[in-house]
Amino acid sequence: MSSKGVGLVLVCVALIGSGQVLFKASAAQWRIDAGIWMAVRSLLSPAFLLAMAVYAIATLLWVYALRFVPLSAAYPLYALAFLLVPVLAHYFAGEPLTANMLIGGVVIVAGVAIAVR
């Protein structure tokens, strides 16, 4: 597995994590109780549009990364998003970061390390 490919996959993980935080921010702005027009208008907030753009870039980069990394190795690395998202949510959305989440993160990292060897 090339270092270029691993780097691309890790950038995808970072983009997905960032996109999830942006989706969380857009969810807070979404007004579904004020009529259909306001629901659509509030959903199309800058945070939502930026999250969609980040996801589009992550998807294109993922496809490009798969030129250099076998899917069987890339996908376990992608699981690192399950560790990154709660950490980002803690720092940027004020969500709690519990001991169970951290222990689960350690298990994920161990699983990734085993899977990509």
C-alpha atoms as a PDB file:
ATOM      1  CA  MET A   1       0.000   0.000   0.000  1.00  0.00           C
ATOM      2  CA  SER A   2       1.502   3.301  -1.047  1.00  0.00           C
ATOM      3  CA  SER A   3       1.935   6.179   1.349  1.00  0.00           C
ATOM      4  CA  LYS A   4       0.253   8.424  -1.218  1.00  0.00           C
ATOM      5  CA  GLY A   5      -2.831   6.220  -1.168  1.00  0.00           C
ATOM      6  CA  VAL A   6      -2.930   6.061   2.622  1.00  0.00           C
ATOM      7  CA  GLY A   7      -2.564   9.839   2.788  1.00  0.00           C
ATOM      8  CA  LEU A   8      -5.438  10.311   0.363  1.00  0.00           C
ATOM      9  CA  VAL A   9      -7.659   7.987   2.387  1.00  0.00           C
ATOM     10  CA  LEU A  10      -6.800   9.837   5.596  1.00  0.00           C
ATOM     11  CA  VAL A  11      -7.659  13.160   3.932  1.00  0.00           C
ATOM     12  CA  CYS A  12     -11.013  11.612   2.988  1.00  0.00           C
ATOM     13  CA  VAL A  13     -11.547  10.643   6.621  1.00  0.00           C
ATOM     14  CA  ALA A  14     -10.775  14.211   7.722  1.00  0.00           C
ATOM     15  CA  LEU A  15     -13.156  15.624   5.110  1.00  0.00           C
ATOM     16  CA  ILE A  16     -15.947  13.268   6.161  1.00  0.00           C
ATOM     17  CA  GLY A  17     -15.425  14.246   9.792  1.00  0.00           C
ATOM     18  CA  SER A  18     -15.557  17.928   8.905  1.00  0.00           C
ATOM     19  CA  GLY A  19     -18.639  17.374   6.787  1.00  0.00           C
ATOM     20  CA  GLN A  20     -20.405  15.663   9.691  1.00  0.00           C
ATOM     21  CA  VAL A  21     -19.738  18.644  11.970  1.00  0.00           C
ATOM     22  CA  LEU A  22     -21.113  20.934   9.268  1.00  0.00           C
ATOM     23  CA  PHE A  23     -24.212  18.738   8.919  1.00  0.00           C
ATOM     24  CA  LYS A  24     -24.688  18.998  12.685  1.00  0.00           C
ATOM     25  CA  ALA A  25     -24.464  22.786  12.459  1.00  0.00           C
ATOM     26  CA  SER A  26     -26.981  22.844   9.613  1.00  0.00           C
ATOM     27  CA  ALA A  27     -29.351  20.594  11.581  1.00  0.00           C
ATOM     28  CA  ALA A  28     -29.420  23.198  14.345  1.00  0.00           C
ATOM     29  CA  GLN A  29     -30.489  25.836  11.791  1.00  0.00           C
ATOM     30  CA  TRP A  30     -33.141  23.702  10.090  1.00  0.00           C
ATOM     31  CA  ARG A  31     -36.667  24.947  10.836  1.00  0.00           C
ATOM     32  CA  ILE A  32     -39.128  22.222   9.941  1.00  0.00           C
ATOM     33  CA  ASP A  33     -41.979  23.619  12.044  1.00  0.00           C
ATOM     34  CA  ALA A  34     -42.393  26.905  10.160  1.00  0.00           C
ATOM     35  CA  GLY A  35     -43.846  25.726   6.863  1.00  0.00           C
ATOM     36  CA  ILE A  36     -42.407  24.075   3.791  1.00  0.00           C
ATOM     37  CA  TRP A  37     -40.768  27.194   2.336  1.00  0.00           C
ATOM     38  CA  MET A  38     -38.942  27.990   5.581  1.00  0.00           C
ATOM     39  CA  ALA A  39     -37.939  24.329   5.973  1.00  0.00           C
ATOM     40  CA  VAL A  40     -36.353  24.278   2.518  1.00  0.00           C
ATOM     41  CA  ARG A  41     -34.823  27.729   2.912  1.00  0.00           C
ATOM     42  CA  SER A  42     -33.342  26.973   6.333  1.00  0.00           C
ATOM     43  CA  LEU A  43     -32.018  23.588   5.189  1.00  0.00           C
ATOM     44  CA  LEU A  44     -30.089  25.285   2.403  1.00  0.00           C
ATOM     45  CA  SER A  45     -27.953  27.158   4.925  1.00  0.00           C
ATOM     46  CA  PRO A  46     -24.300  27.925   4.239  1.00  0.00           C
ATOM     47  CA  ALA A  47     -23.296  25.131   6.641  1.00  0.00           C
ATOM     48  CA  PHE A  48     -25.409  22.585   4.730  1.00  0.00           C
ATOM     49  CA  LEU A  49     -24.169  23.701   1.328  1.00  0.00           C
ATOM     50  CA  LEU A  50     -20.571  23.630   2.538  1.00  0.00           C
ATOM     51  CA  ALA A  51     -21.113  20.151   4.011  1.00  0.00           C
ATOM     52  CA  MET A  52     -22.467  18.941   0.670  1.00  0.00           C
ATOM     53  CA  ALA A  53     -19.453  20.418  -1.134  1.00  0.00           C
ATOM     54  CA  VAL A  54     -17.054  18.806   1.361  1.00  0.00           C
ATOM     55  CA  TYR A  55     -18.781  15.447   0.854  1.00  0.00           C
ATOM     56  CA  ALA A  56     -18.583  15.830  -2.928  1.00  0.00           C
ATOM     57  CA  ILE A  57     -14.850  16.535  -2.713  1.00  0.00           C
ATOM     58  CA  ALA A  58     -14.377  13.614  -0.307  1.00  0.00           C
ATOM     59  CA  THR A  59     -16.209  11.303  -2.704  1.00  0.00           C
ATOM     60  CA  LEU A  60     -14.093  12.322  -5.681  1.00  0.00           C
ATOM     61  CA  LEU A  61     -10.926  12.031  -3.616  1.00  0.00           C
ATOM     62  CA  TRP A  62     -12.033   8.588  -2.380  1.00  0.00           C
ATOM     63  CA  VAL A  63     -12.451   7.341  -5.934  1.00  0.00           C
ATOM     64  CA  TYR A  64      -9.025   8.742  -6.795  1.00  0.00           C
ATOM     65  CA  ALA A  65      -7.465   7.149  -3.682  1.00  0.00           C
ATOM     66  CA  LEU A  66      -8.804   3.756  -4.730  1.00  0.00           C
ATOM     67  CA  ARG A  67      -6.479   3.913  -7.731  1.00  0.00           C
ATOM     68  CA  PHE A  68      -3.571   3.522  -5.294  1.00  0.00           C
ATOM     69  CA  VAL A  69      -5.004   1.510  -2.393  1.00  0.00           C
ATOM     70  CA  PRO A  70      -6.955  -1.748  -2.519  1.00  0.00           C
ATOM     71  CA  LEU A  71     -10.510  -1.314  -1.265  1.00  0.00           C
ATOM     72  CA  SER A  72      -9.885  -4.088   1.261  1.00  0.00           C
ATOM     73  CA  ALA A  73      -7.201  -1.893   2.862  1.00  0.00           C
ATOM     74  CA  ALA A  74      -8.781   1.519   2.292  1.00  0.00           C
ATOM     75  CA  TYR A  75     -12.141   0.744   3.845  1.00  0.00           C
ATOM     76  CA  PRO A  76     -10.770  -0.257   7.262  1.00  0.00           C
ATOM     77  CA  LEU A  77      -8.843   3.031   7.303  1.00  0.00           C
ATOM     78  CA  TYR A  78     -12.117   4.800   6.565  1.00  0.00           C
ATOM     79  CA  ALA A  79     -13.402   3.444   9.886  1.00  0.00           C
ATOM     80  CA  LEU A  80     -11.192   6.012  11.591  1.00  0.00           C
ATOM     81  CA  ALA A  81     -14.016   8.457  10.861  1.00  0.00           C
ATOM     82  CA  PHE A  82     -15.922   6.721  13.674  1.00  0.00           C
ATOM     83  CA  LEU A  83     -13.216   7.964  16.022  1.00  0.00           C
ATOM     84  CA  LEU A  84     -12.702  11.376  14.476  1.00  0.00           C
ATOM     85  CA  VAL A  85     -16.359  12.454  14.323  1.00  0.00           C
ATOM     86  CA  PRO A  86     -17.067  12.172  18.077  1.00  0.00           C
ATOM     87  CA  VAL A  87     -13.838  14.047  18.842  1.00  0.00           C
ATOM     88  CA  LEU A  88     -14.741  16.834  16.409  1.00  0.00           C
ATOM     89  CA  ALA A  89     -18.311  16.900  17.741  1.00  0.00           C
ATOM     90  CA  HIS A  90     -16.929  17.349  21.235  1.00  0.00           C
ATOM     91  CA  TYR A  91     -14.742  20.307  20.315  1.00  0.00           C
ATOM     92  CA  PHE A  92     -16.977  22.025  17.768  1.00  0.00           C
ATOM     93  CA  ALA A  93     -20.520  21.106  18.838  1.00  0.00           C
ATOM     94  CA  GLY A  94     -20.038  20.739  22.578  1.00  0.00           C
ATOM     95  CA  GLU A  95     -21.123  17.104  22.607  1.00  0.00           C
ATOM     96  CA  PRO A  96     -19.903  14.904  25.454  1.00  0.00           C
ATOM     97  CA  LEU A  97     -16.908  12.675  24.888  1.00  0.00           C
ATOM     98  CA  THR A  98     -17.385   9.712  27.185  1.00  0.00           C
ATOM     99  CA  ALA A  99     -14.974   7.058  28.366  1.00  0.00           C
ATOM    100  CA  ASN A 100     -16.962   4.455  26.413  1.00  0.00           C
ATOM    101  CA  MET A 101     -16.455   6.457  23.214  1.00  0.00           C
ATOM    102  CA  LEU A 102     -12.730   6.668  23.852  1.00  0.00           C
ATOM    103  CA  ILE A 103     -12.509   2.943  24.603  1.00  0.00           C
ATOM    104  CA  GLY A 104     -14.483   2.245  21.420  1.00  0.00           C
ATOM    105  CA  GLY A 105     -12.070   4.486  19.540  1.00  0.00           C
ATOM    106  CA  VAL A 106      -9.114   2.478  20.826  1.00  0.00           C
ATOM    107  CA  VAL A 107     -10.831  -0.711  19.678  1.00  0.00           C
ATOM    108  CA  ILE A 108     -11.424   0.821  16.233  1.00  0.00           C
ATOM    109  CA  VAL A 109      -7.799   1.906  15.920  1.00  0.00           C
ATOM    110  CA  ALA A 110      -6.658  -1.581  16.961  1.00  0.00           C
ATOM    111  CA  GLY A 111      -9.017  -3.127  14.412  1.00  0.00           C
ATOM    112  CA  VAL A 112      -7.734  -0.839  11.677  1.00  0.00           C
ATOM    113  CA  ALA A 113      -4.140  -1.662  12.574  1.00  0.00           C
ATOM    114  CA  ILE A 114      -4.897  -5.386  12.373  1.00  0.00           C
ATOM    115  CA  ALA A 115      -6.888  -5.093   9.138  1.00  0.00           C
ATOM    116  CA  VAL A 116      -4.325  -3.096   7.150  1.00  0.00           C
ATOM    117  CA  ARG A 117      -1.280  -5.186   8.066  1.00  0.00           C
END
